């Protein structure tokens, strides 16, 4: 069982930055690929970014490529999402999720993830 707790959300102005953190419980953090998803009001949850178990491979949604950076510290059981050049359309609840390693393909679909955090609100004002 893995428990995930996000933090770092809040209010930012357009063009500003926020850094989200997701702390994982347990001693098997390095067995999991970690992803970030977001869900805006009235919309479905969608993929934002993913990082493989070792931190050597990342993949981003086109909408955040070049602005967001996902990273992880396996010694601290934590994954991060650095959000720069924020836009009002980035406003959403952001969730981190853990997917047990099952191969070399990075998981980008919701059903591929085994555990989810409770989410943290990010609001970007224009």
Foldseek 3Di string as FASTA:
>chain_A
DKAKAKDFADEAAQQAKIKMKIAIDDLPLLQWKKFKWWDAPPGDIFGAKIAHSVRPDIDGDPVQPPFWDWGDDSVRRMIMIIGGNDDQVVWTWMKMFIAGDDDDDIDGDPVRTDDIYPTDTHGYHD
